[in-house]
All heavy atoms as atom14 arrays in JSON, in Angstrom:
{
  "sequence": "ATPHQISNSLSYAASFGADEWDGRIEETMECARLLRLFNSVSVRE",
  "atom14_mask": [
    [1, 1, 1, 1, 1, 0, 0, 0, 0, 0, 0, 0, 0, 0],
    [1, 1, 1, 1, 1, 1, 1, 0, 0, 0, 0, 0, 0, 0],
    [1, 1, 1, 1, 1, 1, 1, 0, 0, 0, 0, 0, 0, 0],
    [1, 1, 1, 1, 1, 1, 1, 1, 1, 1, 0, 0, 0, 0],
    [1, 1, 1, 1, 1, 1, 1, 1, 1, 0, 0, 0, 0, 0],
    [1, 1, 1, 1, 1, 1, 1, 1, 0, 0, 0, 0, 0, 0],
    [1, 1, 1, 1, 1, 1, 0, 0, 0, 0, 0, 0, 0, 0],
    [1, 1, 1, 1, 1, 1, 1, 1, 0, 0, 0, 0, 0, 0],
    [1, 1, 1, 1, 1, 1, 0, 0, 0, 0, 0, 0, 0, 0],
    [1, 1, 1, 1, 1, 1, 1, 1, 0, 0, 0, 0, 0, 0],
    [1, 1, 1, 1, 1, 1, 0, 0, 0, 0, 0, 0, 0, 0],
    [1, 1, 1, 1, 1, 1, 1, 1, 1, 1, 1, 1, 0, 0],
    [1, 1, 1, 1, 1, 0, 0, 0, 0, 0, 0, 0, 0, 0],
    [1, 1, 1, 1, 1, 0, 0, 0, 0, 0, 0, 0, 0, 0],
    [1, 1, 1, 1, 1, 1, 0, 0, 0, 0, 0, 0, 0, 0],
    [1, 1, 1, 1, 1, 1, 1, 1, 1, 1, 1, 0, 0, 0],
    [1, 1, 1, 1, 0, 0, 0, 0, 0, 0, 0, 0, 0, 0],
    [1, 1, 1, 1, 1, 0, 0, 0, 0, 0, 0, 0, 0, 0],
    [1, 1, 1, 1, 1, 1, 1, 1, 0, 0, 0, 0, 0, 0],
    [1, 1, 1, 1, 1, 1, 1, 1, 1, 0, 0, 0, 0, 0],
    [1, 1, 1, 1, 1, 1, 1, 1, 1, 1, 1, 1, 1, 1],
    [1, 1, 1, 1, 1, 1, 1, 1, 0, 0, 0, 0, 0, 0],
    [1, 1, 1, 1, 0, 0, 0, 0, 0, 0, 0, 0, 0, 0],
    [1, 1, 1, 1, 1, 1, 1, 1, 1, 1, 1, 0, 0, 0],
    [1, 1, 1, 1, 1, 1, 1, 1, 0, 0, 0, 0, 0, 0],
    [1, 1, 1, 1, 1, 1, 1, 1, 1, 0, 0, 0, 0, 0],
    [1, 1, 1, 1, 1, 1, 1, 1, 1, 0, 0, 0, 0, 0],
    [1, 1, 1, 1, 1, 1, 1, 0, 0, 0, 0, 0, 0, 0],
    [1, 1, 1, 1, 1, 1, 1, 1, 0, 0, 0, 0, 0, 0],
    [1, 1, 1, 1, 1, 1, 1, 1, 1, 0, 0, 0, 0, 0],
    [1, 1, 1, 1, 1, 1, 0, 0, 0, 0, 0, 0, 0, 0],
    [1, 1, 1, 1, 1, 0, 0, 0, 0, 0, 0, 0, 0, 0],
    [1, 1, 1, 1, 1, 1, 1, 1, 1, 1, 1, 0, 0, 0],
    [1, 1, 1, 1, 1, 1, 1, 1, 0, 0, 0, 0, 0, 0],
    [1, 1, 1, 1, 1, 1, 1, 1, 0, 0, 0, 0, 0, 0],
    [1, 1, 1, 1, 1, 1, 1, 1, 1, 1, 1, 0, 0, 0],
    [1, 1, 1, 1, 1, 1, 1, 1, 0, 0, 0, 0, 0, 0],
    [1, 1, 1, 1, 1, 1, 1, 1, 1, 1, 1, 0, 0, 0],
    [1, 1, 1, 1, 1, 1, 1, 1, 0, 0, 0, 0, 0, 0],
    [1, 1, 1, 1, 1, 1, 0, 0, 0, 0, 0, 0, 0, 0],
    [1, 1, 1, 1, 1, 1, 1, 0, 0, 0, 0, 0, 0, 0],
    [1, 1, 1, 1, 1, 1, 0, 0, 0, 0, 0, 0, 0, 0],
    [1, 1, 1, 1, 1, 1, 1, 0, 0, 0, 0, 0, 0, 0],
    [1, 1, 1, 1, 1, 1, 1, 1, 1, 1, 1, 0, 0, 0],
    [1, 1, 1, 1, 1, 1, 1, 1, 1, 0, 0, 0, 0, 0]
  ],
  "atom14_positions": [
    [[-57.31, 191.8, 175.7], [-55.91, 192.16, 175.97], [-55.5, 193.41, 175.19], [-56.14, 193.79, 174.21], [-54.99, 191.0, 175.62], [0.0, 0.0, 0.0], [0.0, 0.0, 0.0], [0.0, 0.0, 0.0], [0.0, 0.0, 0.0], [0.0, 0.0, 0.0], [0.0, 0.0, 0.0], [0.0, 0.0, 0.0], [0.0, 0.0, 0.0], [0.0, 0.0, 0.0]],
    [[-54.42, 194.02, 175.62], [-53.86, 195.17, 174.91], [-53.02, 194.68, 173.74], [-52.57, 193.52, 173.74], [-52.97, 196.01, 175.84], [-51.81, 195.23, 176.21], [-53.73, 196.42, 177.1], [0.0, 0.0, 0.0], [0.0, 0.0, 0.0], [0.0, 0.0, 0.0], [0.0, 0.0, 0.0], [0.0, 0.0, 0.0], [0.0, 0.0, 0.0], [0.0, 0.0, 0.0]],
    [[-52.77, 195.54, 172.75], [-51.9, 195.13, 171.64], [-50.53, 194.64, 172.11], [-49.98, 193.68, 171.55], [-51.79, 196.4, 170.8], [-53.07, 197.13, 171.06], [-53.37, 196.86, 172.51], [0.0, 0.0, 0.0], [0.0, 0.0, 0.0], [0.0, 0.0, 0.0], [0.0, 0.0, 0.0], [0.0, 0.0, 0.0], [0.0, 0.0, 0.0], [0.0, 0.0, 0.0]],
    [[-50.0, 195.26, 173.15], [-48.69, 194.83, 173.67], [-48.77, 193.43, 174.25], [-47.88, 192.59, 174.01], [-48.2, 195.81, 174.75], [-46.92, 195.37, 175.4], [-45.71, 195.4, 174.74], [-46.67, 194.87, 176.65], [-44.76, 194.95, 175.55], [-45.31, 194.62, 176.71], [0.0, 0.0, 0.0], [0.0, 0.0, 0.0], [0.0, 0.0, 0.0], [0.0, 0.0, 0.0]],
    [[-49.84, 193.16, 175.01], [-50.01, 191.81, 175.56], [-50.16, 190.78, 174.46], [-49.55, 189.7, 174.51], [-51.25, 191.76, 176.47], [-51.09, 192.45, 177.81], [-52.39, 192.46, 178.59], [-53.43, 192.92, 178.09], [-52.37, 191.94, 179.8], [0.0, 0.0, 0.0], [0.0, 0.0, 0.0], [0.0, 0.0, 0.0], [0.0, 0.0, 0.0], [0.0, 0.0, 0.0]],
    [[-50.95, 191.1, 173.45], [-51.18, 190.14, 172.36], [-49.88, 189.86, 171.61], [-49.64, 188.72, 171.19], [-52.26, 190.66, 171.39], [-53.57, 190.91, 172.13], [-52.49, 189.66, 170.26], [-54.66, 191.53, 171.27], [0.0, 0.0, 0.0], [0.0, 0.0, 0.0], [0.0, 0.0, 0.0], [0.0, 0.0, 0.0], [0.0, 0.0, 0.0], [0.0, 0.0, 0.0]],
    [[-49.03, 190.87, 171.48], [-47.77, 190.69, 170.74], [-46.84, 189.72, 171.46], [-45.91, 189.18, 170.85], [-47.07, 192.03, 170.54], [-46.61, 192.55, 171.78], [0.0, 0.0, 0.0], [0.0, 0.0, 0.0], [0.0, 0.0, 0.0], [0.0, 0.0, 0.0], [0.0, 0.0, 0.0], [0.0, 0.0, 0.0], [0.0, 0.0, 0.0], [0.0, 0.0, 0.0]],
    [[-47.08, 189.46, 172.75], [-46.3, 188.49, 173.51], [-47.0, 187.14, 173.61], [-46.44, 186.2, 174.17], [-46.05, 189.01, 174.94], [-45.15, 190.22, 174.97], [-44.21, 190.33, 174.18], [-45.44, 191.16, 175.86], [0.0, 0.0, 0.0], [0.0, 0.0, 0.0], [0.0, 0.0, 0.0], [0.0, 0.0, 0.0], [0.0, 0.0, 0.0], [0.0, 0.0, 0.0]],
    [[-48.21, 187.05, 173.09], [-49.06, 185.88, 173.31], [-49.03, 184.91, 172.13], [-48.51, 185.22, 171.06], [-50.49, 186.34, 173.6], [-50.52, 187.15, 174.77], [0.0, 0.0, 0.0], [0.0, 0.0, 0.0], [0.0, 0.0, 0.0], [0.0, 0.0, 0.0], [0.0, 0.0, 0.0], [0.0, 0.0, 0.0], [0.0, 0.0, 0.0], [0.0, 0.0, 0.0]],
    [[-49.62, 183.74, 172.35], [-49.58, 182.7, 171.33], [-50.81, 181.82, 171.42], [-51.54, 181.83, 172.43], [-48.33, 181.83, 171.5], [-48.21, 181.08, 172.84], [-47.77, 179.64, 172.61], [-47.18, 181.78, 173.74], [0.0, 0.0, 0.0], [0.0, 0.0, 0.0], [0.0, 0.0, 0.0], [0.0, 0.0, 0.0], [0.0, 0.0, 0.0], [0.0, 0.0, 0.0]],
    [[-51.03, 181.04, 170.4], [-52.04, 180.0, 170.46], [-51.32, 178.67, 170.46], [-50.3, 178.51, 169.78], [-53.0, 180.08, 169.26], [-52.32, 179.81, 168.05], [0.0, 0.0, 0.0], [0.0, 0.0, 0.0], [0.0, 0.0, 0.0], [0.0, 0.0, 0.0], [0.0, 0.0, 0.0], [0.0, 0.0, 0.0], [0.0, 0.0, 0.0], [0.0, 0.0, 0.0]],
    [[-51.84, 177.72, 171.23], [-51.27, 176.37, 171.2], [-52.35, 175.39, 170.76], [-53.34, 175.18, 171.47], [-50.69, 175.91, 172.54], [-50.13, 174.52, 172.37], [-48.88, 174.34, 171.8], [-50.91, 173.39, 172.63], [-48.41, 173.07, 171.52], [-50.44, 172.12, 172.36], [-49.18, 171.97, 171.8], [-48.72, 170.72, 171.48], [0.0, 0.0, 0.0], [0.0, 0.0, 0.0]],
    [[-52.15, 174.82, 169.58], [-53.07, 173.8, 169.03], [-54.52, 174.26, 169.07], [-55.44, 173.47, 169.31], [-52.91, 172.47, 169.77], [0.0, 0.0, 0.0], [0.0, 0.0, 0.0], [0.0, 0.0, 0.0], [0.0, 0.0, 0.0], [0.0, 0.0, 0.0], [0.0, 0.0, 0.0], [0.0, 0.0, 0.0], [0.0, 0.0, 0.0], [0.0, 0.0, 0.0]],
    [[-54.75, 175.54, 168.83], [-56.12, 176.06, 168.8], [-56.88, 175.37, 167.66], [-56.35, 175.19, 166.57], [-56.11, 177.57, 168.59], [0.0, 0.0, 0.0], [0.0, 0.0, 0.0], [0.0, 0.0, 0.0], [0.0, 0.0, 0.0], [0.0, 0.0, 0.0], [0.0, 0.0, 0.0], [0.0, 0.0, 0.0], [0.0, 0.0, 0.0], [0.0, 0.0, 0.0]],
    [[-58.12, 175.0, 167.94], [-58.88, 174.22, 166.96], [-60.1, 174.97, 166.46], [-60.85, 175.57, 167.23], [-59.32, 172.9, 167.59], [-60.17, 172.18, 166.71], [0.0, 0.0, 0.0], [0.0, 0.0, 0.0], [0.0, 0.0, 0.0], [0.0, 0.0, 0.0], [0.0, 0.0, 0.0], [0.0, 0.0, 0.0], [0.0, 0.0, 0.0], [0.0, 0.0, 0.0]],
    [[-60.3, 174.92, 165.13], [-61.52, 175.44, 164.52], [-62.61, 174.37, 164.56], [-63.78, 174.67, 164.31], [-61.27, 175.85, 163.07], [-60.33, 177.02, 162.94], [-58.98, 176.83, 162.65], [-60.79, 178.31, 163.09], [-58.12, 177.9, 162.51], [-59.93, 179.41, 162.96], [-58.59, 179.19, 162.67], [0.0, 0.0, 0.0], [0.0, 0.0, 0.0], [0.0, 0.0, 0.0]],
    [[-62.23, 173.13, 164.81], [-63.18, 172.04, 164.95], [-63.73, 171.49, 163.64], [-64.34, 170.44, 163.61], [0.0, 0.0, 0.0], [0.0, 0.0, 0.0], [0.0, 0.0, 0.0], [0.0, 0.0, 0.0], [0.0, 0.0, 0.0], [0.0, 0.0, 0.0], [0.0, 0.0, 0.0], [0.0, 0.0, 0.0], [0.0, 0.0, 0.0], [0.0, 0.0, 0.0]],
    [[-63.53, 172.22, 162.56], [-64.07, 171.81, 161.25], [-63.11, 172.26, 160.16], [-62.1, 172.93, 160.42], [-65.46, 172.4, 161.04], [0.0, 0.0, 0.0], [0.0, 0.0, 0.0], [0.0, 0.0, 0.0], [0.0, 0.0, 0.0], [0.0, 0.0, 0.0], [0.0, 0.0, 0.0], [0.0, 0.0, 0.0], [0.0, 0.0, 0.0], [0.0, 0.0, 0.0]],
    [[-63.44, 171.92, 158.93], [-62.56, 172.26, 157.8], [-62.69, 173.7, 157.37], [-61.86, 174.19, 156.59], [-62.88, 171.36, 156.6], [-62.48, 169.92, 156.84], [-61.46, 169.7, 157.51], [-63.19, 169.02, 156.37], [0.0, 0.0, 0.0], [0.0, 0.0, 0.0], [0.0, 0.0, 0.0], [0.0, 0.0, 0.0], [0.0, 0.0, 0.0], [0.0, 0.0, 0.0]],
    [[-63.73, 174.39, 157.84], [-63.98, 175.76, 157.39], [-64.23, 176.67, 158.58], [-64.7, 176.24, 159.63], [-65.18, 175.8, 156.43], [-64.97, 175.01, 155.14], [-66.2, 175.06, 154.24], [-67.24, 175.59, 154.7], [-66.12, 174.59, 153.1], [0.0, 0.0, 0.0], [0.0, 0.0, 0.0], [0.0, 0.0, 0.0], [0.0, 0.0, 0.0], [0.0, 0.0, 0.0]],
    [[-63.93, 177.95, 158.4], [-64.21, 178.98, 159.39], [-65.7, 179.31, 159.35], [-66.27, 179.49, 158.28], [-63.36, 180.21, 159.08], [-63.74, 181.49, 159.78], [-64.29, 182.6, 159.21], [-63.55, 181.81, 161.17], [-64.48, 183.59, 160.14], [-64.03, 183.13, 161.36], [-63.06, 181.12, 162.26], [-64.0, 183.76, 162.6], [-63.02, 181.75, 163.5], [-63.49, 183.06, 163.66]],
    [[-66.33, 179.38, 160.52], [-67.78, 179.6, 160.56], [-68.14, 180.97, 161.12], [-69.25, 181.17, 161.63], [-68.46, 178.5, 161.37], [-67.97, 178.44, 162.83], [-66.91, 179.01, 163.12], [-68.65, 177.8, 163.66], [0.0, 0.0, 0.0], [0.0, 0.0, 0.0], [0.0, 0.0, 0.0], [0.0, 0.0, 0.0], [0.0, 0.0, 0.0], [0.0, 0.0, 0.0]],
    [[-67.23, 181.93, 161.0], [-67.49, 183.25, 161.55], [-68.25, 184.17, 160.6], [-68.21, 184.01, 159.38], [0.0, 0.0, 0.0], [0.0, 0.0, 0.0], [0.0, 0.0, 0.0], [0.0, 0.0, 0.0], [0.0, 0.0, 0.0], [0.0, 0.0, 0.0], [0.0, 0.0, 0.0], [0.0, 0.0, 0.0], [0.0, 0.0, 0.0], [0.0, 0.0, 0.0]],
    [[-68.92, 185.15, 161.18], [-69.59, 186.18, 160.4], [-68.55, 187.18, 159.89], [-67.4, 187.19, 160.34], [-70.64, 186.89, 161.27], [-71.64, 185.94, 161.92], [-72.65, 186.71, 162.77], [-73.56, 185.82, 163.48], [-73.62, 185.7, 164.8], [-72.81, 186.45, 165.57], [-74.46, 184.87, 165.38], [0.0, 0.0, 0.0], [0.0, 0.0, 0.0], [0.0, 0.0, 0.0]],
    [[-68.96, 188.04, 158.95], [-68.02, 188.97, 158.33], [-67.36, 189.86, 159.37], [-66.13, 190.03, 159.39], [-68.73, 189.84, 157.26], [-69.19, 188.95, 156.1], [-67.8, 190.94, 156.75], [-69.98, 189.69, 155.04], [0.0, 0.0, 0.0], [0.0, 0.0, 0.0], [0.0, 0.0, 0.0], [0.0, 0.0, 0.0], [0.0, 0.0, 0.0], [0.0, 0.0, 0.0]],
    [[-68.17, 190.45, 160.26], [-67.6, 191.36, 161.26], [-66.68, 190.63, 162.23], [-65.66, 191.17, 162.66], [-68.71, 192.1, 162.01], [-69.67, 191.23, 162.81], [-70.83, 190.66, 162.0], [-70.76, 190.71, 160.76], [-71.8, 190.17, 162.63], [0.0, 0.0, 0.0], [0.0, 0.0, 0.0], [0.0, 0.0, 0.0], [0.0, 0.0, 0.0], [0.0, 0.0, 0.0]],
    [[-67.04, 189.38, 162.57], [-66.17, 188.58, 163.43], [-64.86, 188.26, 162.73], [-63.78, 188.34, 163.34], [-66.87, 187.26, 163.8], [-68.05, 187.42, 164.75], [-68.81, 186.13, 164.93], [-68.85, 185.32, 163.98], [-69.4, 185.94, 166.02], [0.0, 0.0, 0.0], [0.0, 0.0, 0.0], [0.0, 0.0, 0.0], [0.0, 0.0, 0.0], [0.0, 0.0, 0.0]],
    [[-64.95, 187.93, 161.46], [-63.76, 187.57, 160.69], [-62.77, 188.73, 160.63], [-61.56, 188.54, 160.84], [-64.15, 187.15, 159.26], [-65.08, 186.06, 159.33], [-62.93, 186.74, 158.46], [0.0, 0.0, 0.0], [0.0, 0.0, 0.0], [0.0, 0.0, 0.0], [0.0, 0.0, 0.0], [0.0, 0.0, 0.0], [0.0, 0.0, 0.0], [0.0, 0.0, 0.0]],
    [[-63.26, 189.91, 160.38], [-62.39, 191.08, 160.27], [-61.68, 191.37, 161.59], [-60.47, 191.63, 161.62], [-63.2, 192.29, 159.82], [-63.74, 192.19, 158.41], [-64.78, 193.6, 157.95], [-63.6, 194.95, 158.04], [0.0, 0.0, 0.0], [0.0, 0.0, 0.0], [0.0, 0.0, 0.0], [0.0, 0.0, 0.0], [0.0, 0.0, 0.0], [0.0, 0.0, 0.0]],
    [[-62.43, 191.31, 162.7], [-61.83, 191.6, 163.99], [-60.89, 190.49, 164.44], [-59.79, 190.76, 164.97], [-62.93, 191.81, 165.04], [-62.42, 192.11, 166.44], [-61.61, 193.39, 166.56], [-61.51, 194.15, 165.56], [-61.07, 193.64, 167.65], [0.0, 0.0, 0.0], [0.0, 0.0, 0.0], [0.0, 0.0, 0.0], [0.0, 0.0, 0.0], [0.0, 0.0, 0.0]],
    [[-61.25, 189.24, 164.21], [-60.39, 188.12, 164.59], [-59.09, 188.14, 163.78], [-58.01, 187.84, 164.31], [-61.12, 186.8, 164.41], [-62.47, 186.55, 165.58], [0.0, 0.0, 0.0], [0.0, 0.0, 0.0], [0.0, 0.0, 0.0], [0.0, 0.0, 0.0], [0.0, 0.0, 0.0], [0.0, 0.0, 0.0], [0.0, 0.0, 0.0], [0.0, 0.0, 0.0]],
    [[-59.18, 188.51, 162.52], [-57.98, 188.61, 161.68], [-57.05, 189.69, 162.21], [-55.83, 189.51, 162.28], [-58.37, 188.89, 160.24], [0.0, 0.0, 0.0], [0.0, 0.0, 0.0], [0.0, 0.0, 0.0], [0.0, 0.0, 0.0], [0.0, 0.0, 0.0], [0.0, 0.0, 0.0], [0.0, 0.0, 0.0], [0.0, 0.0, 0.0], [0.0, 0.0, 0.0]],
    [[-57.63, 190.83, 162.56], [-56.82, 191.94, 163.09], [-56.08, 191.52, 164.35], [-54.88, 191.8, 164.51], [-57.71, 193.14, 163.39], [-56.95, 194.38, 163.88], [-57.89, 195.47, 164.35], [-58.55, 195.12, 165.61], [-57.96, 195.27, 166.81], [-56.72, 195.75, 166.9], [-58.63, 194.95, 167.91], [0.0, 0.0, 0.0], [0.0, 0.0, 0.0], [0.0, 0.0, 0.0]],
    [[-56.77, 190.83, 165.23], [-56.16, 190.4, 166.49], [-55.11, 189.32, 166.26], [-54.02, 189.37, 166.84], [-57.25, 189.89, 167.44], [-58.25, 190.93, 167.95], [-59.44, 190.24, 168.61], [-57.57, 191.88, 168.93], [0.0, 0.0, 0.0], [0.0, 0.0, 0.0], [0.0, 0.0, 0.0], [0.0, 0.0, 0.0], [0.0, 0.0, 0.0], [0.0, 0.0, 0.0]],
    [[-55.43, 188.34, 165.42], [-54.53, 187.21, 165.22], [-53.2, 187.65, 164.6], [-52.15, 187.06, 164.89], [-55.2, 186.15, 164.35], [-54.49, 184.79, 164.28], [-54.37, 184.17, 165.68], [-55.23, 183.84, 163.34], [0.0, 0.0, 0.0], [0.0, 0.0, 0.0], [0.0, 0.0, 0.0], [0.0, 0.0, 0.0], [0.0, 0.0, 0.0], [0.0, 0.0, 0.0]],
    [[-53.24, 188.67, 163.79], [-52.01, 189.17, 163.16], [-51.05, 189.79, 164.17], [-49.88, 190.02, 163.86], [-52.35, 190.18, 162.06], [-52.99, 189.54, 160.82], [-53.61, 190.55, 159.91], [-54.37, 189.91, 158.83], [-55.28, 190.52, 158.1], [-55.57, 191.8, 158.32], [-55.92, 189.86, 157.14], [0.0, 0.0, 0.0], [0.0, 0.0, 0.0], [0.0, 0.0, 0.0]],
    [[-51.55, 190.06, 165.38], [-50.7, 190.62, 166.43], [-50.01, 189.53, 167.25], [-49.07, 189.82, 168.0], [-51.54, 191.5, 167.37], [-52.22, 192.73, 166.78], [-53.1, 193.4, 167.83], [-51.19, 193.71, 166.24], [0.0, 0.0, 0.0], [0.0, 0.0, 0.0], [0.0, 0.0, 0.0], [0.0, 0.0, 0.0], [0.0, 0.0, 0.0], [0.0, 0.0, 0.0]],
    [[-50.47, 188.28, 167.13], [-49.93, 187.2, 167.96], [-48.44, 187.0, 167.71], [-47.95, 187.15, 166.58], [-50.65, 185.88, 167.66], [-51.94, 185.69, 168.42], [-52.93, 186.67, 168.43], [-52.18, 184.52, 169.11], [-54.12, 186.49, 169.11], [-53.37, 184.32, 169.81], [-54.35, 185.31, 169.8], [0.0, 0.0, 0.0], [0.0, 0.0, 0.0], [0.0, 0.0, 0.0]],
    [[-47.76, 186.59, 168.75], [-46.34, 186.25, 168.67], [-46.13, 184.97, 167.87], [-45.28, 184.9, 166.97], [-45.78, 186.1, 170.09], [-44.37, 185.6, 170.14], [-43.64, 185.67, 169.16], [-43.96, 185.08, 171.28], [0.0, 0.0, 0.0], [0.0, 0.0, 0.0], [0.0, 0.0, 0.0], [0.0, 0.0, 0.0], [0.0, 0.0, 0.0], [0.0, 0.0, 0.0]],
    [[-46.91, 183.94, 168.2], [-46.83, 182.64, 167.51], [-48.23, 182.07, 167.38], [-49.05, 182.22, 168.29], [-45.95, 181.65, 168.28], [-44.65, 182.15, 168.46], [0.0, 0.0, 0.0], [0.0, 0.0, 0.0], [0.0, 0.0, 0.0], [0.0, 0.0, 0.0], [0.0, 0.0, 0.0], [0.0, 0.0, 0.0], [0.0, 0.0, 0.0], [0.0, 0.0, 0.0]],
    [[-48.48, 181.38, 166.28], [-49.8, 180.79, 166.05], [-49.64, 179.31, 165.7], [-48.94, 178.97, 164.74], [-50.56, 181.51, 164.92], [-51.92, 180.83, 164.67], [-50.75, 182.98, 165.24], [0.0, 0.0, 0.0], [0.0, 0.0, 0.0], [0.0, 0.0, 0.0], [0.0, 0.0, 0.0], [0.0, 0.0, 0.0], [0.0, 0.0, 0.0], [0.0, 0.0, 0.0]],
    [[-50.27, 178.46, 166.49], [-50.3, 177.03, 166.14], [-51.73, 176.54, 166.26], [-52.52, 177.05, 167.06], [-49.38, 176.21, 167.05], [-49.91, 176.08, 168.35], [0.0, 0.0, 0.0], [0.0, 0.0, 0.0], [0.0, 0.0, 0.0], [0.0, 0.0, 0.0], [0.0, 0.0, 0.0], [0.0, 0.0, 0.0], [0.0, 0.0, 0.0], [0.0, 0.0, 0.0]],
    [[-52.07, 175.58, 165.44], [-53.42, 175.01, 165.39], [-53.34, 173.51, 165.53], [-52.27, 172.91, 165.36], [-54.14, 175.4, 164.08], [-54.43, 176.89, 164.03], [-53.31, 174.98, 162.86], [0.0, 0.0, 0.0], [0.0, 0.0, 0.0], [0.0, 0.0, 0.0], [0.0, 0.0, 0.0], [0.0, 0.0, 0.0], [0.0, 0.0, 0.0], [0.0, 0.0, 0.0]],
    [[-54.47, 172.88, 165.82], [-54.45, 171.44, 166.09], [-54.62, 170.61, 164.83], [-54.09, 169.49, 164.73], [-55.56, 171.09, 167.09], [-55.4, 169.72, 167.71], [-56.41, 169.51, 168.82], [-57.79, 169.51, 168.31], [-58.85, 169.4, 169.09], [-58.7, 169.32, 170.4], [-60.07, 169.4, 168.57], [0.0, 0.0, 0.0], [0.0, 0.0, 0.0], [0.0, 0.0, 0.0]],
    [[-55.35, 171.13, 163.85], [-55.61, 170.37, 162.63], [-54.85, 170.94, 161.45], [-54.6, 172.15, 161.38], [-57.11, 170.37, 162.31], [-57.94, 169.53, 163.26], [-58.27, 170.22, 164.57], [-58.57, 171.42, 164.55], [-58.2, 169.56, 165.62], [0.0, 0.0, 0.0], [0.0, 0.0, 0.0], [0.0, 0.0, 0.0], [0.0, 0.0, 0.0], [0.0, 0.0, 0.0]]
  ]
}
């Protein structure tokens, strides 16, 4: 998605499935950048 689209978007009860994040360093950096653009963030656990 574009930054504008992401700024209107949200997560609903998104699940990591475990107690810890299992991403690689490069994945973590990019996912963090994207998630900070979200309108609202909710997780299941």
